[in-house]
N, C-alpha and C. Protein backbone atom coordinates (compact mmCIF):
# COMPACT_ATOMS: atom_id res chain seq x y z
N UNK A 1 -53.96 -231.66 -9.15
CA UNK A 1 -52.52 -231.54 -9.27
C UNK A 1 -52.10 -232.36 -10.49
N UNK A 2 -51.30 -231.76 -11.32
CA UNK A 2 -50.80 -232.46 -12.50
C UNK A 2 -49.30 -232.62 -12.39
N UNK A 3 -48.86 -233.73 -12.87
CA UNK A 3 -47.43 -233.97 -12.88
C UNK A 3 -47.02 -234.29 -14.31
N UNK A 4 -45.89 -233.81 -14.68
CA UNK A 4 -45.38 -234.12 -16.00
C UNK A 4 -44.09 -234.91 -15.85
N UNK A 5 -43.98 -235.89 -16.67
CA UNK A 5 -42.76 -236.69 -16.65
C UNK A 5 -42.14 -236.63 -18.02
N UNK A 6 -40.86 -236.58 -18.05
CA UNK A 6 -40.16 -236.61 -19.32
C UNK A 6 -39.52 -237.97 -19.46
N UNK A 7 -39.89 -238.64 -20.51
CA UNK A 7 -39.32 -239.95 -20.76
C UNK A 7 -38.09 -239.81 -21.61
N UNK A 8 -37.07 -240.49 -21.22
CA UNK A 8 -35.85 -240.50 -22.01
C UNK A 8 -36.05 -241.40 -23.21
N UNK A 9 -35.73 -240.88 -24.38
CA UNK A 9 -35.88 -241.68 -25.60
C UNK A 9 -34.91 -242.85 -25.55
N UNK A 10 -35.44 -244.06 -25.74
CA UNK A 10 -34.59 -245.24 -25.71
C UNK A 10 -33.79 -245.32 -27.00
N UNK A 11 -32.52 -245.46 -26.84
CA UNK A 11 -31.63 -245.50 -27.99
C UNK A 11 -30.92 -246.85 -28.01
N UNK A 12 -31.11 -247.59 -29.08
CA UNK A 12 -30.42 -248.87 -29.21
C UNK A 12 -29.00 -248.62 -29.72
N UNK A 13 -28.07 -249.48 -29.35
CA UNK A 13 -26.70 -249.31 -29.85
C UNK A 13 -26.66 -249.53 -31.35
N UNK A 14 -25.72 -248.87 -32.00
CA UNK A 14 -25.58 -249.07 -33.45
C UNK A 14 -24.66 -250.24 -33.75
N UNK A 15 -23.77 -250.57 -32.82
CA UNK A 15 -22.85 -251.69 -32.99
C UNK A 15 -22.78 -252.49 -31.71
N UNK A 16 -22.42 -253.76 -31.85
CA UNK A 16 -22.14 -254.62 -30.70
C UNK A 16 -20.76 -255.22 -30.90
N UNK A 17 -20.04 -255.40 -29.81
CA UNK A 17 -18.71 -255.99 -29.84
C UNK A 17 -18.81 -257.41 -29.30
N UNK A 18 -18.27 -258.37 -30.04
CA UNK A 18 -18.30 -259.78 -29.67
C UNK A 18 -16.89 -260.34 -29.53
N UNK A 19 -16.73 -261.27 -28.58
CA UNK A 19 -15.51 -262.06 -28.50
C UNK A 19 -15.81 -263.35 -29.24
N UNK A 20 -14.96 -263.70 -30.19
CA UNK A 20 -15.18 -264.90 -31.00
C UNK A 20 -14.03 -265.88 -30.76
N UNK A 21 -14.39 -267.08 -30.29
CA UNK A 21 -13.40 -268.14 -30.11
C UNK A 21 -13.74 -269.21 -31.15
N UNK A 22 -12.82 -269.43 -32.06
CA UNK A 22 -13.05 -270.39 -33.14
C UNK A 22 -13.04 -271.81 -32.61
N UNK A 23 -13.86 -272.66 -33.23
CA UNK A 23 -13.90 -274.07 -32.85
C UNK A 23 -12.56 -274.74 -33.10
N UNK A 24 -12.28 -275.79 -32.37
CA UNK A 24 -10.99 -276.49 -32.50
C UNK A 24 -10.88 -277.26 -33.80
N UNK A 25 -12.02 -277.76 -34.29
CA UNK A 25 -12.01 -278.50 -35.55
C UNK A 25 -13.00 -277.86 -36.51
N UNK A 26 -13.03 -278.32 -37.75
CA UNK A 26 -13.96 -277.76 -38.73
C UNK A 26 -15.42 -278.04 -38.35
N UNK A 27 -15.65 -279.10 -37.59
CA UNK A 27 -17.01 -279.46 -37.19
C UNK A 27 -17.49 -278.61 -35.99
N UNK A 28 -16.56 -278.08 -35.20
CA UNK A 28 -16.93 -277.27 -34.04
C UNK A 28 -17.35 -275.87 -34.49
N UNK A 29 -18.40 -275.35 -33.88
CA UNK A 29 -18.84 -273.99 -34.19
C UNK A 29 -18.02 -272.99 -33.38
N UNK A 30 -17.87 -271.79 -33.93
CA UNK A 30 -17.23 -270.71 -33.19
C UNK A 30 -18.20 -270.23 -32.12
N UNK A 31 -17.66 -269.76 -31.01
CA UNK A 31 -18.48 -269.27 -29.91
C UNK A 31 -18.42 -267.75 -29.92
N UNK A 32 -19.57 -267.09 -30.11
CA UNK A 32 -19.68 -265.64 -30.13
C UNK A 32 -20.28 -265.19 -28.80
N UNK A 33 -19.58 -264.34 -28.07
CA UNK A 33 -20.06 -263.82 -26.80
C UNK A 33 -20.11 -262.30 -26.89
N UNK A 34 -21.29 -261.72 -26.67
CA UNK A 34 -21.42 -260.26 -26.70
C UNK A 34 -20.73 -259.68 -25.47
N UNK A 35 -19.82 -258.74 -25.69
CA UNK A 35 -19.09 -258.15 -24.57
C UNK A 35 -19.35 -256.66 -24.39
N UNK A 36 -19.87 -255.99 -25.44
CA UNK A 36 -20.10 -254.55 -25.31
C UNK A 36 -21.10 -254.07 -26.35
N UNK A 37 -21.69 -252.91 -26.08
CA UNK A 37 -22.55 -252.22 -27.03
C UNK A 37 -21.95 -250.85 -27.29
N UNK A 38 -22.14 -250.32 -28.52
CA UNK A 38 -21.49 -249.08 -28.92
C UNK A 38 -22.49 -248.11 -29.53
N UNK A 39 -22.40 -246.85 -29.14
CA UNK A 39 -23.22 -245.78 -29.69
C UNK A 39 -22.30 -244.71 -30.26
N UNK A 40 -22.61 -244.17 -31.44
CA UNK A 40 -21.74 -243.13 -32.02
C UNK A 40 -21.89 -241.81 -31.27
N UNK A 41 -20.80 -241.03 -31.24
CA UNK A 41 -20.87 -239.67 -30.69
C UNK A 41 -21.72 -238.82 -31.62
N UNK A 42 -22.33 -237.80 -31.09
CA UNK A 42 -23.18 -236.92 -31.90
C UNK A 42 -22.40 -236.26 -33.02
N UNK A 43 -21.10 -235.98 -32.79
CA UNK A 43 -20.31 -235.33 -33.84
C UNK A 43 -19.73 -236.32 -34.84
N UNK A 44 -19.98 -237.62 -34.63
CA UNK A 44 -19.54 -238.64 -35.57
C UNK A 44 -18.06 -239.00 -35.51
N UNK A 45 -17.35 -238.51 -34.49
CA UNK A 45 -15.90 -238.76 -34.45
C UNK A 45 -15.49 -239.87 -33.50
N UNK A 46 -16.43 -240.64 -32.98
CA UNK A 46 -16.05 -241.73 -32.08
C UNK A 46 -17.28 -242.45 -31.56
N UNK A 47 -17.07 -243.31 -30.57
CA UNK A 47 -18.14 -244.11 -30.00
C UNK A 47 -18.07 -244.10 -28.48
N UNK A 48 -19.22 -244.22 -27.84
CA UNK A 48 -19.29 -244.55 -26.43
C UNK A 48 -19.47 -246.06 -26.37
N UNK A 49 -18.73 -246.72 -25.48
CA UNK A 49 -18.78 -248.17 -25.39
C UNK A 49 -19.17 -248.55 -23.97
N UNK A 50 -20.19 -249.42 -23.86
CA UNK A 50 -20.63 -249.91 -22.56
C UNK A 50 -20.37 -251.41 -22.53
N UNK A 51 -19.45 -251.84 -21.65
CA UNK A 51 -19.10 -253.25 -21.55
C UNK A 51 -20.09 -253.96 -20.64
N UNK A 52 -20.41 -255.20 -20.99
CA UNK A 52 -21.34 -256.01 -20.20
C UNK A 52 -20.67 -256.59 -18.96
N UNK A 53 -19.37 -256.83 -19.03
CA UNK A 53 -18.65 -257.38 -17.90
C UNK A 53 -17.16 -257.16 -18.13
N UNK A 54 -16.39 -257.30 -17.08
CA UNK A 54 -14.94 -257.19 -17.21
C UNK A 54 -14.38 -258.56 -17.55
N UNK A 55 -13.51 -258.59 -18.51
CA UNK A 55 -12.93 -259.87 -18.88
C UNK A 55 -11.49 -259.67 -19.35
N UNK A 56 -10.71 -260.70 -19.17
CA UNK A 56 -9.37 -260.69 -19.72
C UNK A 56 -9.44 -261.26 -21.13
N UNK A 57 -8.68 -260.73 -22.07
CA UNK A 57 -8.70 -261.30 -23.42
C UNK A 57 -8.37 -262.79 -23.39
N UNK A 58 -9.15 -263.57 -24.11
CA UNK A 58 -8.93 -265.01 -24.16
C UNK A 58 -7.85 -265.32 -25.19
N UNK A 59 -6.99 -266.25 -24.86
CA UNK A 59 -5.95 -266.67 -25.79
C UNK A 59 -6.62 -267.29 -27.01
N UNK A 60 -6.26 -266.83 -28.19
CA UNK A 60 -6.83 -267.37 -29.41
C UNK A 60 -8.15 -266.75 -29.80
N UNK A 61 -8.65 -265.77 -29.03
CA UNK A 61 -9.92 -265.12 -29.37
C UNK A 61 -9.65 -263.88 -30.20
N UNK A 62 -10.62 -263.52 -31.00
CA UNK A 62 -10.56 -262.24 -31.71
C UNK A 62 -11.81 -261.46 -31.34
N UNK A 63 -11.76 -260.16 -31.52
CA UNK A 63 -12.89 -259.32 -31.20
C UNK A 63 -13.48 -258.77 -32.49
N UNK A 64 -14.80 -258.88 -32.63
CA UNK A 64 -15.49 -258.52 -33.86
C UNK A 64 -16.59 -257.51 -33.53
N UNK A 65 -16.61 -256.36 -34.22
CA UNK A 65 -17.68 -255.40 -34.04
C UNK A 65 -18.64 -255.51 -35.21
N UNK A 66 -19.93 -255.63 -34.90
CA UNK A 66 -20.96 -255.77 -35.92
C UNK A 66 -22.04 -254.72 -35.71
N UNK A 67 -22.65 -254.28 -36.80
CA UNK A 67 -23.76 -253.34 -36.70
C UNK A 67 -24.94 -254.05 -36.04
N UNK A 68 -25.60 -253.35 -35.10
CA UNK A 68 -26.80 -253.89 -34.45
C UNK A 68 -27.95 -253.75 -35.44
N UNK A 69 -28.66 -254.82 -35.70
CA UNK A 69 -29.69 -254.81 -36.73
C UNK A 69 -31.06 -254.39 -36.24
N UNK A 70 -31.20 -254.14 -34.93
CA UNK A 70 -32.50 -253.66 -34.42
C UNK A 70 -32.72 -252.21 -34.84
N UNK A 71 -33.96 -251.82 -34.91
CA UNK A 71 -34.28 -250.43 -35.18
C UNK A 71 -34.66 -249.76 -33.89
N UNK A 72 -34.33 -248.51 -33.73
CA UNK A 72 -34.65 -247.80 -32.49
C UNK A 72 -36.14 -247.51 -32.42
N UNK A 73 -36.65 -247.55 -31.21
CA UNK A 73 -38.09 -247.35 -31.00
C UNK A 73 -38.40 -245.89 -30.79
């Protein structure tokens, strides 16, 4: 008996969304927290976004989207 399995190709996100809270002083580092990963639509007109957790926007935080630098396997 033979069985065939189809493996789903693993696709890494092209962008990641971070919440950035700037340090209070020049000596304090900003805190970057990954909140979501983003994959482009096949037609190129938008993104699918998968959030890591639900959160309320933090006062004084900004949201930054960066290209994911990993290569897909």
